[in-house]
PDB file of N, CA and C in Angstrom:
ATOM      1  N   MET A   1     127.222 119.464  90.030  1.00  0.00           N
ATOM      2  CA  MET A   1     128.058 120.456  89.383  1.00  0.00           C
ATOM      3  C   MET A   1     127.156 121.596  88.916  1.00  0.00           C
ATOM      4  N   SER A   2     127.585 122.811  89.168  1.00  0.00           N
ATOM      5  CA  SER A   2     126.802 123.978  88.756  1.00  0.00           C
ATOM      6  C   SER A   2     127.064 124.312  87.286  1.00  0.00           C
ATOM      7  N   LEU A   3     126.192 125.128  86.746  1.00  0.00           N
ATOM      8  CA  LEU A   3     126.300 125.548  85.354  1.00  0.00           C
ATOM      9  C   LEU A   3     127.624 126.256  85.092  1.00  0.00           C
ATOM     10  N   ASP A   4     128.036 127.096  86.007  1.00  0.00           N
ATOM     11  CA  ASP A   4     129.291 127.839  85.840  1.00  0.00           C
ATOM     12  C   ASP A   4     130.489 126.892  85.714  1.00  0.00           C
ATOM     13  N   ARG A   5     130.537 125.905  86.584  1.00  0.00           N
ATOM     14  CA  ARG A   5     131.654 124.957  86.554  1.00  0.00           C
ATOM     15  C   ARG A   5     131.605 124.087  85.303  1.00  0.00           C
ATOM     16  N   ALA A   6     130.406 123.724  84.865  1.00  0.00           N
ATOM     17  CA  ALA A   6     130.273 122.921  83.645  1.00  0.00           C
ATOM     18  C   ALA A   6     130.773 123.692  82.431  1.00  0.00           C
ATOM     19  N   VAL A   7     130.441 124.970  82.351  1.00  0.00           N
ATOM     20  CA  VAL A   7     130.890 125.795  81.226  1.00  0.00           C
ATOM     21  C   VAL A   7     132.408 125.952  81.255  1.00  0.00           C
ATOM     22  N   LEU A   8     132.967 126.203  82.420  1.00  0.00           N
ATOM     23  CA  LEU A   8     134.422 126.345  82.525  1.00  0.00           C
ATOM     24  C   LEU A   8     135.135 125.038  82.181  1.00  0.00           C
ATOM     25  N   MET A   9     134.582 123.908  82.622  1.00  0.00           N
ATOM     26  CA  MET A   9     135.195 122.627  82.307  1.00  0.00           C
ATOM     27  C   MET A   9     135.123 122.356  80.800  1.00  0.00           C
ATOM     28  N   PHE A  10     133.994 122.653  80.189  1.00  0.00           N
ATOM     29  CA  PHE A  10     133.849 122.452  78.748  1.00  0.00           C
ATOM     30  C   PHE A  10     134.821 123.334  77.974  1.00  0.00           C
ATOM     31  N   ALA A  11     134.966 124.596  78.377  1.00  0.00           N
ATOM     32  CA  ALA A  11     135.894 125.506  77.703  1.00  0.00           C
ATOM     33  C   ALA A  11     137.329 125.001  77.828  1.00  0.00           C
ATOM     34  N   GLY A  12     137.711 124.546  78.999  1.00  0.00           N
ATOM     35  CA  GLY A  12     139.049 123.993  79.189  1.00  0.00           C
ATOM     36  C   GLY A  12     139.278 122.753  78.353  1.00  0.00           C
ATOM     37  N   PHE A  13     138.261 121.892  78.274  1.00  0.00           N
ATOM     38  CA  PHE A  13     138.354 120.692  77.456  1.00  0.00           C
ATOM     39  C   PHE A  13     138.537 121.044  75.984  1.00  0.00           C
ATOM     40  N   VAL A  14     137.761 122.009  75.481  1.00  0.00           N
ATOM     41  CA  VAL A  14     137.870 122.430  74.080  1.00  0.00           C
ATOM     42  C   VAL A  14     139.276 122.976  73.799  1.00  0.00           C
ATOM     43  N   VAL A  15     139.792 123.780  74.700  1.00  0.00           N
ATOM     44  CA  VAL A  15     141.128 124.352  74.505  1.00  0.00           C
ATOM     45  C   VAL A  15     142.188 123.255  74.465  1.00  0.00           C
ATOM     46  N   LEU A  16     142.146 122.329  75.410  1.00  0.00           N
ATOM     47  CA  LEU A  16     143.163 121.277  75.453  1.00  0.00           C
ATOM     48  C   LEU A  16     143.069 120.340  74.249  1.00  0.00           C
ATOM     49  N   VAL A  17     141.849 119.979  73.853  1.00  0.00           N
ATOM     50  CA  VAL A  17     141.689 119.099  72.686  1.00  0.00           C
ATOM     51  C   VAL A  17     142.159 119.799  71.416  1.00  0.00           C
ATOM     52  N   SER A  18     141.814 121.075  71.271  1.00  0.00           N
ATOM     53  CA  SER A  18     142.232 121.782  70.058  1.00  0.00           C
ATOM     54  C   SER A  18     143.743 121.987  70.020  1.00  0.00           C
ATOM     55  N   LEU A  19     144.364 122.170  71.168  1.00  0.00           N
ATOM     56  CA  LEU A  19     145.830 122.264  71.182  1.00  0.00           C
ATOM     57  C   LEU A  19     146.471 120.944  70.767  1.00  0.00           C
ATOM     58  N   ALA A  20     145.932 119.843  71.272  1.00  0.00           N
ATOM     59  CA  ALA A  20     146.470 118.532  70.894  1.00  0.00           C
ATOM     60  C   ALA A  20     146.258 118.269  69.406  1.00  0.00           C
ATOM     61  N   LEU A  21     145.069 118.577  68.898  1.00  0.00           N
ATOM     62  CA  LEU A  21     144.801 118.381  67.476  1.00  0.00           C
ATOM     63  C   LEU A  21     145.679 119.296  66.621  1.00  0.00           C
ATOM     64  N   GLY A  22     145.913 120.504  67.097  1.00  0.00           N
ATOM     65  CA  GLY A  22     146.783 121.414  66.363  1.00  0.00           C
ATOM     66  C   GLY A  22     148.211 120.913  66.297  1.00  0.00           C
ATOM     67  N   PHE A  23     148.659 120.290  67.335  1.00  0.00           N
ATOM     68  CA  PHE A  23     150.027 119.782  67.382  1.00  0.00           C
ATOM     69  C   PHE A  23     150.181 118.505  66.560  1.00  0.00           C
ATOM     70  N   TYR A  24     149.219 117.580  66.692  1.00  0.00           N
ATOM     71  CA  TYR A  24     149.354 116.268  66.061  1.00  0.00           C
ATOM     72  C   TYR A  24     148.697 116.149  64.684  1.00  0.00           C
ATOM     73  N   VAL A  25     147.694 116.966  64.377  1.00  0.00           N
ATOM     74  CA  VAL A  25     146.947 116.784  63.133  1.00  0.00           C
ATOM     75  C   VAL A  25     147.210 117.922  62.150  1.00  0.00           C
ATOM     76  N   SER A  26     146.806 119.124  62.523  1.00  0.00           N
ATOM     77  CA  SER A  26     146.951 120.267  61.618  1.00  0.00           C
ATOM     78  C   SER A  26     146.941 121.558  62.425  1.00  0.00           C
ATOM     79  N   PRO A  27     147.777 122.513  62.066  1.00  0.00           N
ATOM     80  CA  PRO A  27     147.793 123.791  62.782  1.00  0.00           C
ATOM     81  C   PRO A  27     146.478 124.572  62.674  1.00  0.00           C
ATOM     82  N   TYR A  28     145.650 124.212  61.715  1.00  0.00           N
ATOM     83  CA  TYR A  28     144.360 124.899  61.588  1.00  0.00           C
ATOM     84  C   TYR A  28     143.459 124.664  62.804  1.00  0.00           C
ATOM     85  N   TRP A  29     143.716 123.619  63.569  1.00  0.00           N
ATOM     86  CA  TRP A  29     142.931 123.376  64.776  1.00  0.00           C
ATOM     87  C   TRP A  29     143.162 124.459  65.830  1.00  0.00           C
ATOM     88  N   TYR A  30     144.252 125.207  65.724  1.00  0.00           N
ATOM     89  CA  TYR A  30     144.486 126.300  66.666  1.00  0.00           C
ATOM     90  C   TYR A  30     143.420 127.386  66.537  1.00  0.00           C
ATOM     91  N   LEU A  31     142.749 127.432  65.407  1.00  0.00           N
ATOM     92  CA  LEU A  31     141.644 128.385  65.252  1.00  0.00           C
ATOM     93  C   LEU A  31     140.513 128.080  66.230  1.00  0.00           C
ATOM     94  N   LEU A  32     140.315 126.804  66.550  1.00  0.00           N
ATOM     95  CA  LEU A  32     139.310 126.455  67.551  1.00  0.00           C
ATOM     96  C   LEU A  32     139.707 126.981  68.924  1.00  0.00           C
ATOM     97  N   THR A  33     140.989 126.955  69.236  1.00  0.00           N
ATOM     98  CA  THR A  33     141.478 127.530  70.494  1.00  0.00           C
ATOM     99  C   THR A  33     141.190 129.030  70.534  1.00  0.00           C
ATOM    100  N   ALA A  34     141.450 129.707  69.429  1.00  0.00           N
ATOM    101  CA  ALA A  34     141.171 131.148  69.354  1.00  0.00           C
ATOM    102  C   ALA A  34     139.679 131.420  69.501  1.00  0.00           C
ATOM    103  N   PHE A  35     138.849 130.600  68.857  1.00  0.00           N
ATOM    104  CA  PHE A  35     137.401 130.771  68.965  1.00  0.00           C
ATOM    105  C   PHE A  35     136.933 130.592  70.404  1.00  0.00           C
ATOM    106  N   ALA A  36     137.464 129.577  71.084  1.00  0.00           N
ATOM    107  CA  ALA A  36     137.080 129.342  72.482  1.00  0.00           C
ATOM    108  C   ALA A  36     137.484 130.529  73.357  1.00  0.00           C
ATOM    109  N   GLY A  37     138.674 131.050  73.133  1.00  0.00           N
ATOM    110  CA  GLY A  37     139.122 132.215  73.912  1.00  0.00           C
ATOM    111  C   GLY A  37     138.275 133.444  73.650  1.00  0.00           C
ATOM    112  N   LEU A  38     137.966 133.698  72.386  1.00  0.00           N
ATOM    113  CA  LEU A  38     137.112 134.846  72.051  1.00  0.00           C
ATOM    114  C   LEU A  38     135.712 134.674  72.626  1.00  0.00           C
ATOM    115  N   ASN A  39     135.200 133.453  72.611  1.00  0.00           N
ATOM    116  CA  ASN A  39     133.881 133.208  73.177  1.00  0.00           C
ATOM    117  C   ASN A  39     133.877 133.434  74.687  1.00  0.00           C
ATOM    118  N   MET A  40     134.958 133.052  75.373  1.00  0.00           N
ATOM    119  CA  MET A  40     135.041 133.293  76.817  1.00  0.00           C
ATOM    120  C   MET A  40     135.088 134.786  77.128  1.00  0.00           C
ATOM    121  N   ILE A  41     135.820 135.551  76.322  1.00  0.00           N
ATOM    122  CA  ILE A  41     135.866 137.008  76.515  1.00  0.00           C
ATOM    123  C   ILE A  41     134.490 137.614  76.276  1.00  0.00           C
ATOM    124  N   GLN A  42     133.829 137.199  75.182  1.00  0.00           N
ATOM    125  CA  GLN A  42     132.498 137.700  74.857  1.00  0.00           C
ATOM    126  C   GLN A  42     131.507 137.366  75.968  1.00  0.00           C
ATOM    127  N   ALA A  43     131.560 136.151  76.501  1.00  0.00           N
ATOM    128  CA  ALA A  43     130.642 135.744  77.561  1.00  0.00           C
ATOM    129  C   ALA A  43     130.888 136.539  78.841  1.00  0.00           C
ATOM    130  N   SER A  44     132.134 136.854  79.121  1.00  0.00           N
ATOM    131  CA  SER A  44     132.423 137.626  80.335  1.00  0.00           C
ATOM    132  C   SER A  44     131.918 139.062  80.234  1.00  0.00           C
ATOM    133  N   LEU A  45     131.882 139.596  79.016  1.00  0.00           N
ATOM    134  CA  LEU A  45     131.431 140.976  78.828  1.00  0.00           C
ATOM    135  C   LEU A  45     129.919 141.097  78.704  1.00  0.00           C
ATOM    136  N   THR A  46     129.276 140.105  78.068  1.00  0.00           N
ATOM    137  CA  THR A  46     127.845 140.215  77.790  1.00  0.00           C
ATOM    138  C   THR A  46     126.973 139.334  78.664  1.00  0.00           C
ATOM    139  N   GLY A  47     127.539 138.266  79.226  1.00  0.00           N
ATOM    140  CA  GLY A  47     126.751 137.325  80.004  1.00  0.00           C
ATOM    141  C   GLY A  47     126.041 136.290  79.140  1.00  0.00           C
ATOM    142  N   PHE A  48     126.191 136.377  77.816  1.00  0.00           N
ATOM    143  CA  PHE A  48     125.573 135.419  76.902  1.00  0.00           C
ATOM    144  C   PHE A  48     126.575 134.335  76.561  1.00  0.00           C
ATOM    145  N   CYS A  49     126.208 133.076  76.831  1.00  0.00           N
ATOM    146  CA  CYS A  49     127.098 131.959  76.553  1.00  0.00           C
ATOM    147  C   CYS A  49     126.289 130.814  75.944  1.00  0.00           C
ATOM    148  N   PRO A  50     126.548 130.496  74.683  1.00  0.00           N
ATOM    149  CA  PRO A  50     125.810 129.394  74.048  1.00  0.00           C
ATOM    150  C   PRO A  50     125.965 128.062  74.789  1.00  0.00           C
ATOM    151  N   ALA A  51     127.143 127.788  75.313  1.00  0.00           N
ATOM    152  CA  ALA A  51     127.350 126.534  76.050  1.00  0.00           C
ATOM    153  C   ALA A  51     126.480 126.496  77.300  1.00  0.00           C
ATOM    154  N   ALA A  52     126.301 127.636  77.962  1.00  0.00           N
ATOM    155  CA  ALA A  52     125.452 127.685  79.155  1.00  0.00           C
ATOM    156  C   ALA A  52     124.003 127.374  78.794  1.00  0.00           C
ATOM    157  N   ILE A  53     123.556 127.828  77.643  1.00  0.00           N
ATOM    158  CA  ILE A  53     122.192 127.543  77.199  1.00  0.00           C
ATOM    159  C   ILE A  53     122.015 126.039  76.987  1.00  0.00           C
ATOM    160  N   VAL A  54     122.994 125.417  76.343  1.00  0.00           N
ATOM    161  CA  VAL A  54     122.923 123.974  76.090  1.00  0.00           C
ATOM    162  C   VAL A  54     122.942 123.201  77.402  1.00  0.00           C
ATOM    163  N   PHE A  55     123.858 123.534  78.302  1.00  0.00           N
ATOM    164  CA  PHE A  55     123.934 122.832  79.585  1.00  0.00           C
ATOM    165  C   PHE A  55     122.659 123.035  80.402  1.00  0.00           C
ATOM    166  N   ARG A  56     122.080 124.224  80.345  1.00  0.00           N
ATOM    167  CA  ARG A  56     120.837 124.492  81.066  1.00  0.00           C
ATOM    168  C   ARG A  56     119.724 123.584  80.539  1.00  0.00           C
ATOM    169  N   LYS A  57     119.651 123.431  79.222  1.00  0.00           N
ATOM    170  CA  LYS A  57     118.629 122.556  78.624  1.00  0.00           C
ATOM    171  C   LYS A  57     118.876 121.090  78.959  1.00  0.00           C
ATOM    172  N   LEU A  58     120.119 120.734  79.242  1.00  0.00           N
ATOM    173  CA  LEU A  58     120.447 119.367  79.638  1.00  0.00           C
ATOM    174  C   LEU A  58     120.152 119.112  81.119  1.00  0.00           C
ATOM    175  N   GLY A  59     119.741 120.159  81.841  1.00  0.00           N
ATOM    176  CA  GLY A  59     119.339 119.985  83.231  1.00  0.00           C
ATOM    177  C   GLY A  59     120.393 120.286  84.270  1.00  0.00           C
ATOM    178  N   VAL A  60     121.487 120.921  83.886  1.00  0.00           N
ATOM    179  CA  VAL A  60     122.512 121.286  84.870  1.00  0.00           C
ATOM    180  C   VAL A  60     121.969 122.421  85.737  1.00  0.00           C
ATOM    181  N   LYS A  61     122.131 122.283  87.047  1.00  0.00           N
ATOM    182  CA  LYS A  61     121.577 123.284  87.957  1.00  0.00           C
ATOM    183  C   LYS A  61     122.275 124.640  87.764  1.00  0.00           C
ATOM    184  N   PRO A  62     121.534 125.724  87.902  1.00  0.00           N
ATOM    185  CA  PRO A  62     122.115 127.051  87.651  1.00  0.00           C
ATOM    186  C   PRO A  62     123.192 127.419  88.658  1.00  0.00           C
ATOM    187  N   GLY A  63     124.097 128.269  88.172  1.00  0.00           N
ATOM    188  CA  GLY A  63     125.144 128.824  89.026  1.00  0.00           C
ATOM    189  C   GLY A  63     124.869 130.299  89.230  1.00  0.00           C
ATOM    190  N   THR A  64     125.918 131.069  89.454  1.00  0.00           N
ATOM    191  CA  THR A  64     125.728 132.494  89.697  1.00  0.00           C
ATOM    192  C   THR A  64     126.121 133.372  88.509  1.00  0.00           C
ATOM    193  N   ALA A  65     126.954 132.863  87.602  1.00  0.00           N
ATOM    194  CA  ALA A  65     127.452 133.702  86.523  1.00  0.00           C
ATOM    195  C   ALA A  65     126.480 133.776  85.345  1.00  0.00           C
ATOM    196  N   PHE A  66     125.882 132.665  84.951  1.00  0.00           N
ATOM    197  CA  PHE A  66     125.024 132.637  83.778  1.00  0.00           C
ATOM    198  C   PHE A  66     123.577 132.440  84.201  1.00  0.00           C
ATOM    199  N   ASN A  67     122.846 133.531  84.353  1.00  0.00           N
ATOM    200  CA  ASN A  67     121.444 133.457  84.784  1.00  0.00           C
ATOM    201  C   ASN A  67     120.508 133.469  83.609  1.00  0.00           C
TER     202      ASN A  67
END
């Protein structure tokens, strides 16, 4: 799995988990969904993604989006 796909999968996982937690636990969990969305927008504009840095350090092979 490339770095790009790992980051996208992690972002999707965070969104789905936060939606479930927001529905079943507390609506404040929807703030995590908003944070994930804002982080994806920021990463698309700047190319800086904290999750990509973590995955890179874990040894995930590089992709084309996050160099």
